[in-house]
């Protein structure tokens, strides 16, 4: 996990905890750093009929996922992780400027098993939810 020398974590948010999304309060008073995008190394799916996003890293045909970077205290981070849907797990992601941040990923095997809708080319989670 990406931890700074000040005891805070840089976390990349790209789903239901984004500004304006229903789970944004799960970030508590985390410090917003900047909008960001991942490098084109990931795919994004709408899991469980749009309940939450599912992203995972791929070796080819990846896209750049838009999101936001926050600094969370360890307590805020632990709370955020405790609110995530089942099977999501923290992992490092590479942002388009080379920064590495922690994000919540989802097992590709489960996405494929359930055949969840690939929304990688729709402009991110917030853009997808706006079409619902």
N, C-alpha and C. Protein backbone atom coordinates (compact mmCIF):
# COMPACT_ATOMS: atom_id res chain seq x y z
N UNK A 1 0.83 -1.17 0.00
CA UNK A 1 0.00 0.00 0.00
C UNK A 1 0.88 1.24 0.00
N UNK A 2 0.39 2.26 -0.65
CA UNK A 2 1.16 3.47 -0.80
C UNK A 2 0.95 4.38 0.41
N UNK A 3 2.00 4.49 1.23
CA UNK A 3 1.91 5.32 2.43
C UNK A 3 2.99 6.38 2.36
N UNK A 4 2.60 7.60 2.68
CA UNK A 4 3.57 8.68 2.68
C UNK A 4 4.31 8.70 4.01
N UNK A 5 5.32 9.53 4.11
CA UNK A 5 6.10 9.62 5.35
C UNK A 5 5.30 10.25 6.48
N UNK A 6 4.15 10.84 6.20
CA UNK A 6 3.35 11.48 7.22
C UNK A 6 2.29 10.56 7.81
N UNK A 7 2.33 9.27 7.45
CA UNK A 7 1.35 8.33 7.99
C UNK A 7 -0.01 8.41 7.33
N UNK A 8 -0.05 8.94 6.11
CA UNK A 8 -1.30 8.96 5.35
C UNK A 8 -1.10 8.16 4.07
N UNK A 9 -2.21 7.72 3.52
CA UNK A 9 -2.16 6.95 2.28
C UNK A 9 -2.73 7.77 1.13
N UNK A 10 -2.10 7.64 -0.02
CA UNK A 10 -2.64 8.21 -1.26
C UNK A 10 -3.54 7.14 -1.86
N UNK A 11 -4.81 7.49 -2.02
CA UNK A 11 -5.79 6.53 -2.51
C UNK A 11 -6.43 7.09 -3.77
N UNK A 12 -6.50 6.25 -4.79
CA UNK A 12 -7.17 6.59 -6.04
C UNK A 12 -8.60 6.07 -5.95
N UNK A 13 -9.56 6.98 -6.08
CA UNK A 13 -10.98 6.65 -6.02
C UNK A 13 -11.54 6.75 -7.43
N UNK A 14 -12.23 5.71 -7.88
CA UNK A 14 -12.76 5.74 -9.25
C UNK A 14 -14.16 5.17 -9.33
N UNK A 15 -14.88 5.10 -8.20
CA UNK A 15 -16.21 4.50 -8.21
C UNK A 15 -17.20 5.26 -7.37
N UNK A 16 -17.93 4.52 -6.56
CA UNK A 16 -19.07 5.09 -5.83
C UNK A 16 -18.68 6.04 -4.71
N UNK A 17 -17.38 6.20 -4.42
CA UNK A 17 -16.94 7.18 -3.42
C UNK A 17 -16.43 8.48 -4.05
N UNK A 18 -16.55 8.60 -5.37
CA UNK A 18 -16.19 9.86 -6.04
C UNK A 18 -17.07 11.00 -5.55
N UNK A 19 -16.59 12.22 -5.72
CA UNK A 19 -17.43 13.39 -5.41
C UNK A 19 -18.74 13.26 -6.19
N UNK A 20 -19.85 13.52 -5.50
CA UNK A 20 -21.15 13.46 -6.16
C UNK A 20 -21.76 12.07 -6.24
N UNK A 21 -21.05 11.06 -5.77
CA UNK A 21 -21.57 9.69 -5.80
C UNK A 21 -22.06 9.31 -4.40
N UNK A 22 -22.91 8.28 -4.31
CA UNK A 22 -23.58 7.99 -3.03
C UNK A 22 -22.68 7.58 -1.87
N UNK A 23 -21.50 7.05 -2.13
CA UNK A 23 -20.62 6.60 -1.06
C UNK A 23 -19.48 7.56 -0.76
N UNK A 24 -19.58 8.79 -1.27
CA UNK A 24 -18.50 9.77 -1.04
C UNK A 24 -18.26 10.00 0.45
N UNK A 25 -19.30 9.91 1.25
CA UNK A 25 -19.17 10.12 2.70
C UNK A 25 -18.25 9.08 3.35
N UNK A 26 -18.04 7.94 2.69
CA UNK A 26 -17.14 6.91 3.23
C UNK A 26 -15.70 7.39 3.30
N UNK A 27 -15.39 8.47 2.60
CA UNK A 27 -14.04 9.05 2.67
C UNK A 27 -13.87 9.92 3.90
N UNK A 28 -14.97 10.15 4.61
CA UNK A 28 -14.98 11.02 5.78
C UNK A 28 -14.41 12.38 5.40
N UNK A 29 -13.47 12.89 6.12
CA UNK A 29 -12.91 14.22 5.80
C UNK A 29 -11.55 14.09 5.12
N UNK A 30 -11.38 13.04 4.32
CA UNK A 30 -10.11 12.84 3.62
C UNK A 30 -9.79 14.06 2.75
N UNK A 31 -8.52 14.33 2.61
CA UNK A 31 -8.07 15.50 1.85
C UNK A 31 -8.05 15.17 0.36
N UNK A 32 -8.84 15.94 -0.42
CA UNK A 32 -8.83 15.82 -1.87
C UNK A 32 -7.52 16.38 -2.39
N UNK A 33 -6.82 15.61 -3.22
CA UNK A 33 -5.55 16.06 -3.77
C UNK A 33 -5.73 16.59 -5.20
N UNK A 34 -6.35 15.76 -6.06
CA UNK A 34 -6.49 16.19 -7.46
C UNK A 34 -7.30 15.18 -8.25
N UNK A 35 -7.86 15.61 -9.38
CA UNK A 35 -8.40 14.62 -10.31
C UNK A 35 -7.23 13.87 -10.93
N UNK A 36 -7.47 12.65 -11.35
CA UNK A 36 -6.39 11.85 -11.93
C UNK A 36 -6.98 10.78 -12.84
N UNK A 37 -6.11 10.15 -13.59
CA UNK A 37 -6.46 9.00 -14.42
C UNK A 37 -5.37 7.96 -14.25
N UNK A 38 -5.75 6.71 -14.41
CA UNK A 38 -4.74 5.65 -14.41
C UNK A 38 -4.05 5.62 -15.76
N UNK A 39 -2.94 4.95 -15.81
CA UNK A 39 -2.38 4.60 -17.12
C UNK A 39 -3.36 3.63 -17.77
N UNK A 40 -3.24 3.43 -19.05
CA UNK A 40 -4.17 2.57 -19.79
C UNK A 40 -3.83 1.10 -19.57
N UNK A 41 -3.99 0.66 -18.31
CA UNK A 41 -3.63 -0.70 -17.91
C UNK A 41 -4.80 -1.44 -17.25
N UNK A 42 -6.01 -0.88 -17.31
CA UNK A 42 -7.12 -1.42 -16.52
C UNK A 42 -8.38 -1.55 -17.35
N UNK A 43 -9.32 -2.34 -16.85
CA UNK A 43 -10.67 -2.44 -17.40
C UNK A 43 -11.64 -2.14 -16.26
N UNK A 44 -12.80 -1.60 -16.62
CA UNK A 44 -13.81 -1.20 -15.66
C UNK A 44 -15.14 -1.85 -16.03
N UNK A 45 -15.76 -2.50 -15.05
CA UNK A 45 -17.05 -3.16 -15.26
C UNK A 45 -18.07 -2.67 -14.24
N UNK A 46 -19.33 -2.82 -14.60
CA UNK A 46 -20.44 -2.53 -13.69
C UNK A 46 -20.82 -3.84 -13.02
N UNK A 47 -20.45 -3.98 -11.75
CA UNK A 47 -20.65 -5.25 -11.04
C UNK A 47 -22.03 -5.28 -10.38
N UNK A 48 -22.57 -6.48 -10.32
CA UNK A 48 -23.83 -6.74 -9.60
C UNK A 48 -24.93 -5.77 -10.01
N UNK A 49 -25.17 -5.69 -11.33
CA UNK A 49 -26.23 -4.83 -11.87
C UNK A 49 -26.07 -3.37 -11.47
N UNK A 50 -24.86 -2.87 -11.49
CA UNK A 50 -24.60 -1.47 -11.23
C UNK A 50 -24.44 -1.11 -9.76
N UNK A 51 -24.32 -2.11 -8.90
CA UNK A 51 -24.16 -1.84 -7.47
C UNK A 51 -22.83 -1.17 -7.19
N UNK A 52 -21.77 -1.63 -7.86
CA UNK A 52 -20.46 -1.04 -7.64
C UNK A 52 -19.57 -1.30 -8.85
N UNK A 53 -18.50 -0.52 -8.98
CA UNK A 53 -17.57 -0.75 -10.07
C UNK A 53 -16.63 -1.91 -9.76
N UNK A 54 -16.10 -2.48 -10.80
CA UNK A 54 -15.09 -3.54 -10.66
C UNK A 54 -13.97 -3.22 -11.64
N UNK A 55 -12.79 -2.90 -11.11
CA UNK A 55 -11.65 -2.66 -11.98
C UNK A 55 -10.58 -3.70 -11.71
N UNK A 56 -9.83 -4.00 -12.76
CA UNK A 56 -8.72 -4.93 -12.64
C UNK A 56 -7.68 -4.58 -13.70
N UNK A 57 -6.47 -5.01 -13.46
CA UNK A 57 -5.37 -4.72 -14.38
C UNK A 57 -5.33 -5.77 -15.48
N UNK A 58 -4.95 -5.33 -16.69
CA UNK A 58 -4.85 -6.23 -17.83
C UNK A 58 -3.49 -6.05 -18.51
N UNK A 59 -3.08 -7.06 -19.25
CA UNK A 59 -1.81 -7.00 -19.98
C UNK A 59 -1.96 -6.29 -21.31
N UNK A 60 -3.19 -6.28 -21.86
CA UNK A 60 -3.44 -5.60 -23.13
C UNK A 60 -4.89 -5.12 -23.18
N UNK A 61 -5.16 -4.18 -24.08
CA UNK A 61 -6.49 -3.60 -24.24
C UNK A 61 -6.99 -2.87 -23.00
N UNK A 62 -6.08 -2.29 -22.24
CA UNK A 62 -6.47 -1.50 -21.08
C UNK A 62 -6.89 -0.10 -21.48
N UNK A 63 -7.58 0.56 -20.57
CA UNK A 63 -7.98 1.94 -20.76
C UNK A 63 -7.53 2.75 -19.55
N UNK A 64 -7.53 4.05 -19.71
CA UNK A 64 -7.23 4.96 -18.62
C UNK A 64 -8.53 5.24 -17.87
N UNK A 65 -8.55 4.93 -16.58
CA UNK A 65 -9.75 5.09 -15.77
C UNK A 65 -9.68 6.45 -15.05
N UNK A 66 -10.69 7.31 -15.22
CA UNK A 66 -10.69 8.59 -14.51
C UNK A 66 -11.09 8.43 -13.05
N UNK A 67 -10.57 9.31 -12.21
CA UNK A 67 -10.92 9.26 -10.79
C UNK A 67 -10.35 10.45 -10.05
N UNK A 68 -10.17 10.25 -8.75
CA UNK A 68 -9.68 11.30 -7.87
C UNK A 68 -8.68 10.71 -6.88
N UNK A 69 -7.67 11.50 -6.53
CA UNK A 69 -6.68 11.08 -5.54
C UNK A 69 -6.97 11.82 -4.23
N UNK A 70 -6.95 11.05 -3.14
CA UNK A 70 -7.17 11.59 -1.80
C UNK A 70 -6.03 11.14 -0.90
N UNK A 71 -5.78 11.92 0.15
CA UNK A 71 -4.92 11.48 1.23
C UNK A 71 -5.81 11.10 2.40
N UNK A 72 -5.65 9.87 2.87
CA UNK A 72 -6.43 9.36 3.98
C UNK A 72 -5.51 9.02 5.14
N UNK A 73 -5.96 9.33 6.35
CA UNK A 73 -5.24 8.84 7.52
C UNK A 73 -5.42 7.33 7.56
N UNK A 74 -4.63 6.65 8.36
CA UNK A 74 -4.76 5.20 8.48
C UNK A 74 -6.17 4.84 8.96
N UNK A 75 -6.72 5.62 9.88
CA UNK A 75 -8.07 5.36 10.39
C UNK A 75 -9.12 5.53 9.29
N UNK A 76 -8.99 6.59 8.49
CA UNK A 76 -9.92 6.81 7.38
C UNK A 76 -9.80 5.69 6.35
N UNK A 77 -8.57 5.29 6.07
CA UNK A 77 -8.34 4.21 5.12
C UNK A 77 -8.97 2.91 5.62
N UNK A 78 -8.73 2.56 6.87
CA UNK A 78 -9.30 1.33 7.42
C UNK A 78 -10.83 1.36 7.35
N UNK A 79 -11.41 2.52 7.64
CA UNK A 79 -12.87 2.64 7.55
C UNK A 79 -13.33 2.45 6.11
N UNK A 80 -12.67 3.11 5.17
CA UNK A 80 -13.04 2.98 3.76
C UNK A 80 -13.01 1.51 3.32
N UNK A 81 -11.94 0.83 3.65
CA UNK A 81 -11.82 -0.59 3.27
C UNK A 81 -12.96 -1.41 3.88
N UNK A 82 -13.34 -1.08 5.12
CA UNK A 82 -14.41 -1.84 5.79
C UNK A 82 -15.77 -1.64 5.13
N UNK A 83 -15.93 -0.57 4.34
CA UNK A 83 -17.22 -0.29 3.70
C UNK A 83 -17.29 -0.83 2.27
N UNK A 84 -16.22 -1.40 1.78
CA UNK A 84 -16.19 -1.87 0.40
C UNK A 84 -17.00 -3.16 0.23
N UNK A 85 -17.55 -3.37 -0.96
CA UNK A 85 -18.30 -4.60 -1.23
C UNK A 85 -17.41 -5.84 -1.11
N UNK A 86 -18.04 -6.99 -0.92
CA UNK A 86 -17.27 -8.24 -0.83
C UNK A 86 -16.37 -8.44 -2.06
N UNK A 87 -15.25 -9.06 -1.84
CA UNK A 87 -14.26 -9.44 -2.87
C UNK A 87 -13.37 -8.30 -3.36
N UNK A 88 -13.68 -7.07 -3.01
CA UNK A 88 -12.79 -5.98 -3.41
C UNK A 88 -11.56 -6.02 -2.51
N UNK A 89 -10.42 -5.66 -3.08
CA UNK A 89 -9.17 -5.71 -2.33
C UNK A 89 -8.27 -4.53 -2.72
N UNK A 90 -7.51 -4.02 -1.75
CA UNK A 90 -6.61 -2.91 -2.06
C UNK A 90 -5.39 -3.39 -2.85
N UNK A 91 -5.00 -2.57 -3.82
CA UNK A 91 -3.82 -2.87 -4.62
C UNK A 91 -3.28 -1.56 -5.18
N UNK A 92 -2.02 -1.52 -5.50
CA UNK A 92 -1.43 -0.35 -6.12
C UNK A 92 -1.89 -0.24 -7.57
N UNK A 93 -2.14 1.00 -8.01
CA UNK A 93 -2.41 1.30 -9.40
C UNK A 93 -1.43 2.37 -9.84
N UNK A 94 -1.16 2.41 -11.13
CA UNK A 94 -0.25 3.40 -11.69
C UNK A 94 -1.07 4.48 -12.37
N UNK A 95 -0.86 5.71 -11.94
CA UNK A 95 -1.57 6.83 -12.54
C UNK A 95 -0.84 7.31 -13.78
N UNK A 96 -1.52 8.10 -14.59
CA UNK A 96 -0.95 8.49 -15.88
C UNK A 96 0.33 9.30 -15.76
N UNK A 97 0.56 9.95 -14.59
CA UNK A 97 1.79 10.71 -14.41
C UNK A 97 2.89 9.88 -13.74
N UNK A 98 2.64 8.58 -13.53
CA UNK A 98 3.64 7.70 -12.93
C UNK A 98 3.48 7.52 -11.43
N UNK A 99 2.65 8.35 -10.78
CA UNK A 99 2.42 8.17 -9.35
C UNK A 99 1.75 6.82 -9.10
N UNK A 100 2.11 6.20 -8.00
CA UNK A 100 1.47 4.95 -7.60
C UNK A 100 0.59 5.26 -6.39
N UNK A 101 -0.67 4.83 -6.48
CA UNK A 101 -1.62 5.05 -5.39
C UNK A 101 -2.35 3.73 -5.13
N UNK A 102 -2.98 3.64 -3.99
CA UNK A 102 -3.77 2.47 -3.65
C UNK A 102 -5.18 2.65 -4.19
N UNK A 103 -5.75 1.59 -4.74
CA UNK A 103 -7.14 1.60 -5.21
C UNK A 103 -7.78 0.27 -4.82
N UNK A 104 -9.08 0.23 -4.90
CA UNK A 104 -9.80 -1.01 -4.61
C UNK A 104 -10.09 -1.71 -5.93
N UNK A 105 -9.48 -2.87 -6.10
CA UNK A 105 -9.66 -3.66 -7.31
C UNK A 105 -10.63 -4.81 -7.06
N UNK A 106 -10.96 -5.51 -8.13
CA UNK A 106 -11.91 -6.62 -8.06
C UNK A 106 -11.34 -7.78 -8.87
N UNK A 107 -11.49 -9.00 -8.41
CA UNK A 107 -10.92 -10.14 -9.14
C UNK A 107 -11.51 -10.29 -10.54
N UNK A 108 -10.66 -10.28 -11.53
CA UNK A 108 -11.09 -10.42 -12.92
C UNK A 108 -11.88 -11.72 -13.12
N UNK A 109 -11.45 -12.77 -12.44
CA UNK A 109 -12.12 -14.07 -12.60
C UNK A 109 -13.60 -13.98 -12.23
N UNK A 110 -13.92 -13.21 -11.19
CA UNK A 110 -15.32 -13.07 -10.78
C UNK A 110 -16.10 -12.21 -11.77
N UNK A 111 -15.47 -11.18 -12.30
CA UNK A 111 -16.12 -10.35 -13.32
C UNK A 111 -16.49 -11.22 -14.52
N UNK A 112 -15.54 -12.02 -14.98
CA UNK A 112 -15.78 -12.88 -16.14
C UNK A 112 -16.81 -13.97 -15.83
N UNK A 113 -16.75 -14.52 -14.64
CA UNK A 113 -17.71 -15.57 -14.24
C UNK A 113 -19.14 -15.04 -14.31
N UNK A 114 -19.35 -13.80 -13.86
CA UNK A 114 -20.69 -13.23 -13.83
C UNK A 114 -21.07 -12.53 -15.14
N UNK A 115 -20.09 -12.30 -16.00
CA UNK A 115 -20.36 -11.64 -17.27
C UNK A 115 -20.85 -10.20 -17.12
N UNK A 116 -20.30 -9.48 -16.13
CA UNK A 116 -20.74 -8.12 -15.87
C UNK A 116 -20.35 -7.19 -17.01
N UNK A 117 -21.19 -6.20 -17.23
CA UNK A 117 -21.05 -5.24 -18.32
C UNK A 117 -19.71 -4.50 -18.26
N UNK A 118 -18.98 -4.52 -19.37
CA UNK A 118 -17.73 -3.78 -19.50
C UNK A 118 -18.07 -2.33 -19.85
N UNK A 119 -17.73 -1.42 -18.95
CA UNK A 119 -18.01 0.01 -19.18
C UNK A 119 -16.73 0.81 -19.35
N UNK A 120 -15.66 0.11 -19.70
CA UNK A 120 -14.35 0.74 -19.79
C UNK A 120 -14.30 1.94 -20.72
N UNK A 121 -15.08 1.92 -21.78
CA UNK A 121 -15.01 2.98 -22.78
C UNK A 121 -16.09 4.04 -22.62
N UNK A 122 -16.75 4.08 -21.45
CA UNK A 122 -17.86 5.01 -21.25
C UNK A 122 -17.48 6.25 -20.44
N UNK A 123 -16.19 6.45 -20.16
CA UNK A 123 -15.76 7.67 -19.50
C UNK A 123 -15.70 7.60 -17.98
N UNK A 124 -15.72 6.40 -17.42
CA UNK A 124 -15.59 6.24 -15.97
C UNK A 124 -16.91 5.95 -15.28
N UNK A 125 -16.81 5.68 -13.98
CA UNK A 125 -17.97 5.27 -13.19
C UNK A 125 -19.03 6.37 -13.11
N UNK A 126 -18.65 7.59 -12.82
CA UNK A 126 -19.63 8.68 -12.69
C UNK A 126 -20.36 8.92 -14.01
N UNK A 127 -19.64 8.88 -15.12
CA UNK A 127 -20.27 9.06 -16.43
C UNK A 127 -21.25 7.91 -16.71
N UNK A 128 -20.86 6.71 -16.38
CA UNK A 128 -21.75 5.55 -16.56
C UNK A 128 -23.01 5.71 -15.71
N UNK A 129 -22.84 6.05 -14.43
CA UNK A 129 -24.01 6.18 -13.54
C UNK A 129 -24.94 7.30 -13.98
N UNK A 130 -24.39 8.33 -14.60
CA UNK A 130 -25.21 9.43 -15.09
C UNK A 130 -26.15 9.00 -16.21
N UNK A 131 -25.82 7.90 -16.87
CA UNK A 131 -26.68 7.39 -17.96
C UNK A 131 -27.77 6.47 -17.44
N UNK A 132 -27.73 6.13 -16.17
CA UNK A 132 -28.71 5.18 -15.60
C UNK A 132 -30.02 5.85 -15.26
